[in-house]
Amino acid sequence: MMGHMNRRSKRRFAALYLTVLALVGPVLLPASAARADDSTAKNDARLEGYARKVAIDGSTAPSYLLLTGLGIVGLAVMFKDAKRSHLD
């Protein structure tokens, strides 16, 4: 009887441990990665040798909005009324 209870408590503890790890891990891991030493300059060979700055200063939000809009249009086509056709 005690062996069965011990096995059950081990499973419960493992499930609790994995649940806490899954919930707290994504919060703590980026914080520890942010503390890494990023003082070294990263050189991108594609951007070297130009007279002016060639990197885009703007946001990527318009691209994502365009892709989202096109995705909505693409999905809307699937819900077209099947009884209607281009011959109407």
C-alpha atoms as a PDB file:
ATOM      1  CA  MET A   1       0.000   0.000   0.000  1.00  0.00           C
ATOM      2  CA  MET A   2       2.768   2.454   0.845  1.00  0.00           C
ATOM      3  CA  GLY A   3       4.635   1.719  -2.372  1.00  0.00           C
ATOM      4  CA  HIS A   4       1.584   2.628  -4.418  1.00  0.00           C
ATOM      5  CA  MET A   5       1.125   5.897  -2.542  1.00  0.00           C
ATOM      6  CA  ASN A   6       4.779   6.719  -2.935  1.00  0.00           C
ATOM      7  CA  ARG A   7       4.592   6.179  -6.691  1.00  0.00           C
ATOM      8  CA  ARG A   8       1.478   8.334  -6.893  1.00  0.00           C
ATOM      9  CA  SER A   9       3.070  11.157  -4.925  1.00  0.00           C
ATOM     10  CA  LYS A  10       6.141  11.015  -7.188  1.00  0.00           C
ATOM     11  CA  ARG A  11       3.926  11.368 -10.253  1.00  0.00           C
ATOM     12  CA  ARG A  12       2.035  14.255  -8.703  1.00  0.00           C
ATOM     13  CA  PHE A  13       5.278  15.980  -7.751  1.00  0.00           C
ATOM     14  CA  ALA A  14       6.646  15.483 -11.274  1.00  0.00           C
ATOM     15  CA  ALA A  15       3.444  16.877 -12.797  1.00  0.00           C
ATOM     16  CA  LEU A  16       3.527  19.871 -10.446  1.00  0.00           C
ATOM     17  CA  TYR A  17       7.210  20.463 -11.184  1.00  0.00           C
ATOM     18  CA  LEU A  18       6.670  20.362 -14.957  1.00  0.00           C
ATOM     19  CA  THR A  19       3.652  22.657 -14.693  1.00  0.00           C
ATOM     20  CA  VAL A  20       5.575  25.235 -12.677  1.00  0.00           C
ATOM     21  CA  LEU A  21       8.517  24.945 -15.057  1.00  0.00           C
ATOM     22  CA  ALA A  22       6.258  25.463 -18.074  1.00  0.00           C
ATOM     23  CA  LEU A  23       4.622  28.531 -16.530  1.00  0.00           C
ATOM     24  CA  VAL A  24       7.656  30.197 -14.969  1.00  0.00           C
ATOM     25  CA  GLY A  25      10.331  29.137 -17.460  1.00  0.00           C
ATOM     26  CA  PRO A  26       9.375  31.505 -20.305  1.00  0.00           C
ATOM     27  CA  VAL A  27       9.422  34.402 -17.844  1.00  0.00           C
ATOM     28  CA  LEU A  28      12.822  33.628 -16.335  1.00  0.00           C
ATOM     29  CA  LEU A  29      14.747  32.393 -19.381  1.00  0.00           C
ATOM     30  CA  PRO A  30      14.568  35.619 -21.431  1.00  0.00           C
ATOM     31  CA  ALA A  31      15.657  37.573 -18.359  1.00  0.00           C
ATOM     32  CA  SER A  32      18.742  35.405 -17.969  1.00  0.00           C
ATOM     33  CA  ALA A  33      19.498  35.671 -21.689  1.00  0.00           C
ATOM     34  CA  ALA A  34      19.259  39.458 -21.482  1.00  0.00           C
ATOM     35  CA  ARG A  35      21.988  39.468 -18.848  1.00  0.00           C
ATOM     36  CA  ALA A  36      24.427  37.884 -21.281  1.00  0.00           C
ATOM     37  CA  ASP A  37      27.395  40.005 -22.347  1.00  0.00           C
ATOM     38  CA  ASP A  38      26.354  41.797 -25.535  1.00  0.00           C
ATOM     39  CA  SER A  39      29.172  44.328 -25.481  1.00  0.00           C
ATOM     40  CA  THR A  40      30.831  42.908 -28.572  1.00  0.00           C
ATOM     41  CA  ALA A  41      29.893  44.666 -31.793  1.00  0.00           C
ATOM     42  CA  LYS A  42      28.325  42.430 -34.380  1.00  0.00           C
ATOM     43  CA  ASN A  43      29.586  43.143 -37.872  1.00  0.00           C
ATOM     44  CA  ASP A  44      27.338  42.268 -40.758  1.00  0.00           C
ATOM     45  CA  ALA A  45      29.412  41.901 -43.898  1.00  0.00           C
ATOM     46  CA  ARG A  46      26.420  42.724 -46.101  1.00  0.00           C
ATOM     47  CA  LEU A  47      26.245  46.237 -44.634  1.00  0.00           C
ATOM     48  CA  GLU A  48      29.919  47.148 -44.757  1.00  0.00           C
ATOM     49  CA  GLY A  49      31.466  49.415 -47.377  1.00  0.00           C
ATOM     50  CA  TYR A  50      28.522  51.753 -47.979  1.00  0.00           C
ATOM     51  CA  ALA A  51      28.850  55.539 -47.674  1.00  0.00           C
ATOM     52  CA  ARG A  52      25.621  55.867 -45.736  1.00  0.00           C
ATOM     53  CA  LYS A  53      23.570  53.716 -43.409  1.00  0.00           C
ATOM     54  CA  VAL A  54      21.764  51.025 -45.407  1.00  0.00           C
ATOM     55  CA  ALA A  55      19.714  49.417 -42.660  1.00  0.00           C
ATOM     56  CA  ILE A  56      16.001  50.181 -42.522  1.00  0.00           C
ATOM     57  CA  ASP A  57      15.130  52.472 -39.626  1.00  0.00           C
ATOM     58  CA  GLY A  58      11.390  51.898 -39.899  1.00  0.00           C
ATOM     59  CA  SER A  59       9.165  49.240 -38.487  1.00  0.00           C
ATOM     60  CA  THR A  60       8.140  45.933 -40.018  1.00  0.00           C
ATOM     61  CA  ALA A  61       4.520  46.522 -38.965  1.00  0.00           C
ATOM     62  CA  PRO A  62       3.279  47.564 -42.451  1.00  0.00           C
ATOM     63  CA  SER A  63       4.594  44.314 -43.895  1.00  0.00           C
ATOM     64  CA  TYR A  64       2.819  42.263 -41.259  1.00  0.00           C
ATOM     65  CA  LEU A  65      -0.402  44.238 -41.777  1.00  0.00           C
ATOM     66  CA  LEU A  66      -0.204  43.627 -45.527  1.00  0.00           C
ATOM     67  CA  LEU A  67       0.394  39.908 -45.040  1.00  0.00           C
ATOM     68  CA  THR A  68      -2.476  39.706 -42.545  1.00  0.00           C
ATOM     69  CA  GLY A  69      -4.813  41.475 -44.978  1.00  0.00           C
ATOM     70  CA  LEU A  70      -3.804  39.187 -47.833  1.00  0.00           C
ATOM     71  CA  GLY A  71      -4.305  36.176 -45.580  1.00  0.00           C
ATOM     72  CA  ILE A  72      -7.812  37.338 -44.705  1.00  0.00           C
ATOM     73  CA  VAL A  73      -8.632  37.810 -48.383  1.00  0.00           C
ATOM     74  CA  GLY A  74      -7.238  34.357 -49.163  1.00  0.00           C
ATOM     75  CA  LEU A  75      -9.286  32.732 -46.405  1.00  0.00           C
ATOM     76  CA  ALA A  76     -12.433  34.659 -47.368  1.00  0.00           C
ATOM     77  CA  VAL A  77     -12.336  33.058 -50.811  1.00  0.00           C
ATOM     78  CA  MET A  78     -12.777  29.646 -49.209  1.00  0.00           C
ATOM     79  CA  PHE A  79     -16.124  30.688 -47.728  1.00  0.00           C
ATOM     80  CA  LYS A  80     -17.604  31.860 -51.023  1.00  0.00           C
ATOM     81  CA  ASP A  81     -21.153  30.692 -51.722  1.00  0.00           C
ATOM     82  CA  ALA A  82     -20.859  27.468 -53.711  1.00  0.00           C
ATOM     83  CA  LYS A  83     -24.144  28.046 -55.542  1.00  0.00           C
ATOM     84  CA  ARG A  84     -22.828  31.158 -57.227  1.00  0.00           C
ATOM     85  CA  SER A  85     -20.343  30.987 -60.009  1.00  0.00           C
ATOM     86  CA  HIS A  86     -18.616  33.298 -62.443  1.00  0.00           C
ATOM     87  CA  LEU A  87     -21.358  32.493 -64.959  1.00  0.00           C
ATOM     88  CA  ASP A  88     -24.052  34.474 -63.061  1.00  0.00           C
END
